[in-house]
Structures are given as C-alpha cells and as structure tokens.
Amino acid sequence: MLRLALYHPQIPPNTGMLLRLTSALGISLDIIRPMGFVFDDKKLKRAGMDYIKFADYKIHDSFENFYEKYRERRLIALDIGAKAVPYYDFKYQSQDILIAGSEHYGFLGDDLNKILQCVKIPLLPNRRSLNMATAAAIVLSQAMIQLNLYAQINK
C-alpha cells in the first residue's frame, strides 16, 4: 500500500498535520530521525489533534534503518532538483513510498542518491519552495487519485 515518509522533520506542526492527514485518509506514515523536536511536542499534538491516536505511523532511527526496511519498494523523493519530474506526470504504483524532505535542508546527498525517483511541484519563477506539509499533501493526493484510493474511502 502507498506510504508517506518524512525525512528528518524539523517543524512539529508539519508532522502533526501530516499525522492527521494520513490518519484521515488511511495512509501509513514513516518518520525518519533525526527530528528537530521531541515527538510529544504540544505543537505537534495541537496540529494532529485527536487523529494521532488513529494514525498508522512508524518512527525510524535513521535513514539507513528506513532504507533497509523498504529498499525493495520504489522510493520517491519530493525534491526540486533537476532530475525531478512534475508530480502530475509521474505514474504512481500502489507500493510507492513518497518521501518529503526536511524543512530546513531537503535531503542529504548520500541519502538522496539512494532514491532513484524524484517528483517536484513546478513553481513560478523566484519561488524557492512550498511548505513541506503542503507539498506532501499535494503529491499524496495526486498519487491517491491515480491509484483510485479515494474510492476506497467512500465505500
């Protein structure tokens, strides 16, 4: 099943919002340490509300641990780099894992090199990036549309 992963998240409300979103949509979430906050941060809890208790999430101690667990699956980075293709042109598969980079630095080079697929959200000139949680929600929604996962929620 499709998964979302957060690579070295730094801002508690972003992680809380994505815990809430994935809980509401039935998507599993992977959180890859190091994090820039403690997991019981009140800002995380405020953004995630009572949805966190329903969320299916795993916390991984490092990217290496995450990579070893999921190396057989297709890992797709949300990245603004040159090798990234527009997220709406990408053909998602049911076993894909979408990985949102750290709010402060995206991905570390060695880790990004292990991720062979990258998608991006095209932006107007002179705009650097979107909020990590917003970008993750946009790309996750596109993948769910392509995979007809919203129809499973409406049953």
C-alpha atoms as a PDB file:
ATOM      1  CA  MET A   1       0.000   0.000   0.000  1.00  0.00           C
ATOM      2  CA  LEU A   2       1.075   3.587  -0.678  1.00  0.00           C
ATOM      3  CA  ARG A   3       3.007   5.218   2.187  1.00  0.00           C
ATOM      4  CA  LEU A   4       4.256   8.704   3.048  1.00  0.00           C
ATOM      5  CA  ALA A   5       7.595   9.286   4.788  1.00  0.00           C
ATOM      6  CA  LEU A   6       9.045  12.388   6.454  1.00  0.00           C
ATOM      7  CA  TYR A   7      12.812  12.729   6.229  1.00  0.00           C
ATOM      8  CA  HIS A   8      14.331  14.486   9.264  1.00  0.00           C
ATOM      9  CA  PRO A   9      11.250  16.640  10.031  1.00  0.00           C
ATOM     10  CA  GLN A  10      12.066  19.850  11.913  1.00  0.00           C
ATOM     11  CA  ILE A  11       8.742  21.634  12.477  1.00  0.00           C
ATOM     12  CA  PRO A  12       6.292  19.923  14.864  1.00  0.00           C
ATOM     13  CA  PRO A  13       3.058  21.342  13.366  1.00  0.00           C
ATOM     14  CA  ASN A  14       4.011  19.993   9.905  1.00  0.00           C
ATOM     15  CA  THR A  15       4.450  16.494  11.294  1.00  0.00           C
ATOM     16  CA  GLY A  16       1.258  16.811  13.347  1.00  0.00           C
ATOM     17  CA  MET A  17      -0.722  17.951  10.309  1.00  0.00           C
ATOM     18  CA  LEU A  18       0.586  15.027   8.243  1.00  0.00           C
ATOM     19  CA  LEU A  19      -0.220  12.567  11.040  1.00  0.00           C
ATOM     20  CA  ARG A  20      -3.747  13.976  10.960  1.00  0.00           C
ATOM     21  CA  LEU A  21      -3.964  13.837   7.159  1.00  0.00           C
ATOM     22  CA  THR A  22      -2.645  10.307   6.803  1.00  0.00           C
ATOM     23  CA  SER A  23      -4.873   9.121   9.645  1.00  0.00           C
ATOM     24  CA  ALA A  24      -7.931  10.605   7.947  1.00  0.00           C
ATOM     25  CA  LEU A  25      -7.014   9.086   4.561  1.00  0.00           C
ATOM     26  CA  GLY A  26      -5.870   5.651   5.729  1.00  0.00           C
ATOM     27  CA  ILE A  27      -2.252   6.131   4.622  1.00  0.00           C
ATOM     28  CA  SER A  28       0.692   4.877   6.692  1.00  0.00           C
ATOM     29  CA  LEU A  29       3.352   7.389   7.714  1.00  0.00           C
ATOM     30  CA  ASP A  30       7.058   6.828   8.317  1.00  0.00           C
ATOM     31  CA  ILE A  31       9.036   9.384  10.314  1.00  0.00           C
ATOM     32  CA  ILE A  32      12.807   9.252   9.845  1.00  0.00           C
ATOM     33  CA  ARG A  33      15.066  10.571  12.606  1.00  0.00           C
ATOM     34  CA  PRO A  34      16.704  12.810  13.496  1.00  0.00           C
ATOM     35  CA  MET A  35      13.754  15.080  14.214  1.00  0.00           C
ATOM     36  CA  GLY A  36      14.080  18.704  15.262  1.00  0.00           C
ATOM     37  CA  PHE A  37      11.679  18.187  18.190  1.00  0.00           C
ATOM     38  CA  VAL A  38      10.541  15.603  20.691  1.00  0.00           C
ATOM     39  CA  PHE A  39       7.616  13.526  19.485  1.00  0.00           C
ATOM     40  CA  ASP A  40       5.314  14.584  22.327  1.00  0.00           C
ATOM     41  CA  ASP A  41       5.715  18.294  21.481  1.00  0.00           C
ATOM     42  CA  LYS A  42       2.500  20.207  22.215  1.00  0.00           C
ATOM     43  CA  LYS A  43       2.615  21.931  18.799  1.00  0.00           C
ATOM     44  CA  LEU A  44       2.677  18.511  17.125  1.00  0.00           C
ATOM     45  CA  LYS A  45      -0.258  17.409  19.266  1.00  0.00           C
ATOM     46  CA  ARG A  46      -2.214  20.596  18.538  1.00  0.00           C
ATOM     47  CA  ALA A  47      -1.821  20.171  14.765  1.00  0.00           C
ATOM     48  CA  GLY A  48      -2.501  16.426  14.854  1.00  0.00           C
ATOM     49  CA  MET A  49      -5.377  16.758  17.320  1.00  0.00           C
ATOM     50  CA  ASP A  50      -7.007  13.518  18.380  1.00  0.00           C
ATOM     51  CA  TYR A  51      -6.243  11.958  14.966  1.00  0.00           C
ATOM     52  CA  ILE A  52      -2.749  10.947  16.127  1.00  0.00           C
ATOM     53  CA  LYS A  53      -4.157   8.086  18.180  1.00  0.00           C
ATOM     54  CA  PHE A  54      -5.690   6.644  14.984  1.00  0.00           C
ATOM     55  CA  ALA A  55      -2.608   7.208  12.817  1.00  0.00           C
ATOM     56  CA  ASP A  56      -0.606   4.265  11.488  1.00  0.00           C
ATOM     57  CA  TYR A  57       2.954   5.516  11.843  1.00  0.00           C
ATOM     58  CA  LYS A  58       6.455   4.193  12.432  1.00  0.00           C
ATOM     59  CA  ILE A  59       9.476   6.115  13.659  1.00  0.00           C
ATOM     60  CA  HIS A  60      12.804   5.003  12.193  1.00  0.00           C
ATOM     61  CA  ASP A  61      16.070   5.774  13.995  1.00  0.00           C
ATOM     62  CA  SER A  62      17.891   6.665  10.770  1.00  0.00           C
ATOM     63  CA  PHE A  63      17.555   6.785   7.013  1.00  0.00           C
ATOM     64  CA  GLU A  64      19.711   3.660   6.862  1.00  0.00           C
ATOM     65  CA  ASN A  65      17.172   1.755   9.000  1.00  0.00           C
ATOM     66  CA  PHE A  66      14.283   3.049   6.889  1.00  0.00           C
ATOM     67  CA  TYR A  67      16.115   2.218   3.656  1.00  0.00           C
ATOM     68  CA  GLU A  68      16.945  -1.325   4.755  1.00  0.00           C
ATOM     69  CA  LYS A  69      13.298  -1.962   5.634  1.00  0.00           C
ATOM     70  CA  TYR A  70      11.892  -0.604   2.361  1.00  0.00           C
ATOM     71  CA  ARG A  71      14.738  -0.971  -0.152  1.00  0.00           C
ATOM     72  CA  GLU A  72      12.637  -3.323  -2.318  1.00  0.00           C
ATOM     73  CA  ARG A  73       9.935  -0.698  -2.748  1.00  0.00           C
ATOM     74  CA  ARG A  74      10.054   2.311  -5.037  1.00  0.00           C
ATOM     75  CA  LEU A  75      11.102   5.363  -3.027  1.00  0.00           C
ATOM     76  CA  ILE A  76      10.060   8.712  -4.477  1.00  0.00           C
ATOM     77  CA  ALA A  77      11.544  11.949  -3.165  1.00  0.00           C
ATOM     78  CA  LEU A  78       9.631  15.207  -3.275  1.00  0.00           C
ATOM     79  CA  ASP A  79      12.513  17.357  -4.465  1.00  0.00           C
ATOM     80  CA  ILE A  80      13.049  20.490  -6.518  1.00  0.00           C
ATOM     81  CA  GLY A  81      16.232  19.186  -8.162  1.00  0.00           C
ATOM     82  CA  ALA A  82      16.944  18.901 -11.858  1.00  0.00           C
ATOM     83  CA  LYS A  83      16.230  15.166 -12.062  1.00  0.00           C
ATOM     84  CA  ALA A  84      12.725  15.588 -10.621  1.00  0.00           C
ATOM     85  CA  VAL A  85       9.714  15.289 -12.922  1.00  0.00           C
ATOM     86  CA  PRO A  86       6.441  17.154 -12.387  1.00  0.00           C
ATOM     87  CA  TYR A  87       4.359  15.238  -9.833  1.00  0.00           C
ATOM     88  CA  TYR A  88       1.312  15.130 -12.133  1.00  0.00           C
ATOM     89  CA  ASP A  89       3.294  13.447 -14.961  1.00  0.00           C
ATOM     90  CA  PHE A  90       4.605  10.674 -12.714  1.00  0.00           C
ATOM     91  CA  LYS A  91       2.933   7.238 -12.799  1.00  0.00           C
ATOM     92  CA  TYR A  92       2.481   6.129  -9.202  1.00  0.00           C
ATOM     93  CA  GLN A  93       2.287   2.496  -8.119  1.00  0.00           C
ATOM     94  CA  SER A  94       0.492   1.020  -5.126  1.00  0.00           C
ATOM     95  CA  GLN A  95       3.702   0.092  -3.277  1.00  0.00           C
ATOM     96  CA  ASP A  96       5.375   3.505  -3.676  1.00  0.00           C
ATOM     97  CA  ILE A  97       6.686   5.451  -0.706  1.00  0.00           C
ATOM     98  CA  LEU A  98       6.590   9.227  -1.127  1.00  0.00           C
ATOM     99  CA  ILE A  99       9.326  10.934   0.909  1.00  0.00           C
ATOM    100  CA  ALA A 100       9.120  14.599   1.906  1.00  0.00           C
ATOM    101  CA  GLY A 101      12.494  16.157   2.721  1.00  0.00           C
ATOM    102  CA  SER A 102      13.471  18.131   5.787  1.00  0.00           C
ATOM    103  CA  GLU A 103      12.002  21.611   6.010  1.00  0.00           C
ATOM    104  CA  HIS A 104      15.474  23.074   6.537  1.00  0.00           C
ATOM    105  CA  TYR A 105      17.669  21.266   4.019  1.00  0.00           C
ATOM    106  CA  GLY A 106      15.671  18.811   1.945  1.00  0.00           C
ATOM    107  CA  PHE A 107      17.767  15.638   1.687  1.00  0.00           C
ATOM    108  CA  LEU A 108      21.382  14.862   2.481  1.00  0.00           C
ATOM    109  CA  GLY A 109      23.239  13.972  -0.727  1.00  0.00           C
ATOM    110  CA  ASP A 110      24.190  10.392   0.155  1.00  0.00           C
ATOM    111  CA  ASP A 111      20.613   9.596   1.155  1.00  0.00           C
ATOM    112  CA  LEU A 112      19.072  11.280  -1.884  1.00  0.00           C
ATOM    113  CA  ASN A 113      21.412   9.282  -4.144  1.00  0.00           C
ATOM    114  CA  LYS A 114      19.728   6.071  -2.908  1.00  0.00           C
ATOM    115  CA  ILE A 115      16.333   7.396  -4.004  1.00  0.00           C
ATOM    116  CA  LEU A 116      16.145   6.918  -7.760  1.00  0.00           C
ATOM    117  CA  GLN A 117      12.824   8.655  -8.432  1.00  0.00           C
ATOM    118  CA  CYS A 118      12.088  12.326  -7.725  1.00  0.00           C
ATOM    119  CA  VAL A 119       8.982  14.419  -8.305  1.00  0.00           C
ATOM    120  CA  LYS A 120       8.507  18.152  -7.999  1.00  0.00           C
ATOM    121  CA  ILE A 121       5.747  20.705  -7.879  1.00  0.00           C
ATOM    122  CA  PRO A 122       6.534  23.315 -10.545  1.00  0.00           C
ATOM    123  CA  LEU A 123       6.578  26.835  -9.118  1.00  0.00           C
ATOM    124  CA  LEU A 124       6.574  30.292 -10.625  1.00  0.00           C
ATOM    125  CA  PRO A 125       9.970  31.956 -11.135  1.00  0.00           C
ATOM    126  CA  ASN A 126      11.682  33.298  -7.994  1.00  0.00           C
ATOM    127  CA  ARG A 127       9.694  30.993  -5.700  1.00  0.00           C
ATOM    128  CA  ARG A 128      12.006  28.571  -3.869  1.00  0.00           C
ATOM    129  CA  SER A 129       9.669  26.057  -2.309  1.00  0.00           C
ATOM    130  CA  LEU A 130       6.383  25.219  -0.619  1.00  0.00           C
ATOM    131  CA  ASN A 131       5.792  24.256   2.980  1.00  0.00           C
ATOM    132  CA  MET A 132       6.806  20.592   3.379  1.00  0.00           C
ATOM    133  CA  ALA A 133       3.405  19.503   4.677  1.00  0.00           C
ATOM    134  CA  THR A 134       1.590  21.331   1.880  1.00  0.00           C
ATOM    135  CA  ALA A 135       3.836  19.787  -0.775  1.00  0.00           C
ATOM    136  CA  ALA A 136       3.422  16.312   0.718  1.00  0.00           C
ATOM    137  CA  ALA A 137      -0.375  16.711   0.748  1.00  0.00           C
ATOM    138  CA  ILE A 138      -0.450  17.824  -2.903  1.00  0.00           C
ATOM    139  CA  VAL A 139       1.679  14.922  -4.158  1.00  0.00           C
ATOM    140  CA  LEU A 140      -0.044  12.373  -1.916  1.00  0.00           C
ATOM    141  CA  SER A 141      -3.408  13.491  -3.266  1.00  0.00           C
ATOM    142  CA  GLN A 142      -2.251  13.055  -6.880  1.00  0.00           C
ATOM    143  CA  ALA A 143      -0.946   9.561  -6.117  1.00  0.00           C
ATOM    144  CA  MET A 144      -4.227   8.645  -4.409  1.00  0.00           C
ATOM    145  CA  ILE A 145      -6.226   9.909  -7.396  1.00  0.00           C
ATOM    146  CA  GLN A 146      -4.127   7.886  -9.860  1.00  0.00           C
ATOM    147  CA  LEU A 147      -4.396   4.761  -7.695  1.00  0.00           C
ATOM    148  CA  ASN A 148      -8.145   5.270  -7.130  1.00  0.00           C
ATOM    149  CA  LEU A 149      -7.640   5.218  -3.356  1.00  0.00           C
ATOM    150  CA  TYR A 150     -10.261   7.869  -2.621  1.00  0.00           C
ATOM    151  CA  ALA A 151     -12.904   5.483  -3.932  1.00  0.00           C
ATOM    152  CA  GLN A 152     -11.963   3.026  -1.165  1.00  0.00           C
ATOM    153  CA  ILE A 153     -12.618   5.714   1.457  1.00  0.00           C
ATOM    154  CA  ASN A 154     -16.099   6.439   0.070  1.00  0.00           C
ATOM    155  CA  LYS A 155     -17.282   2.814   0.324  1.00  0.00           C
END
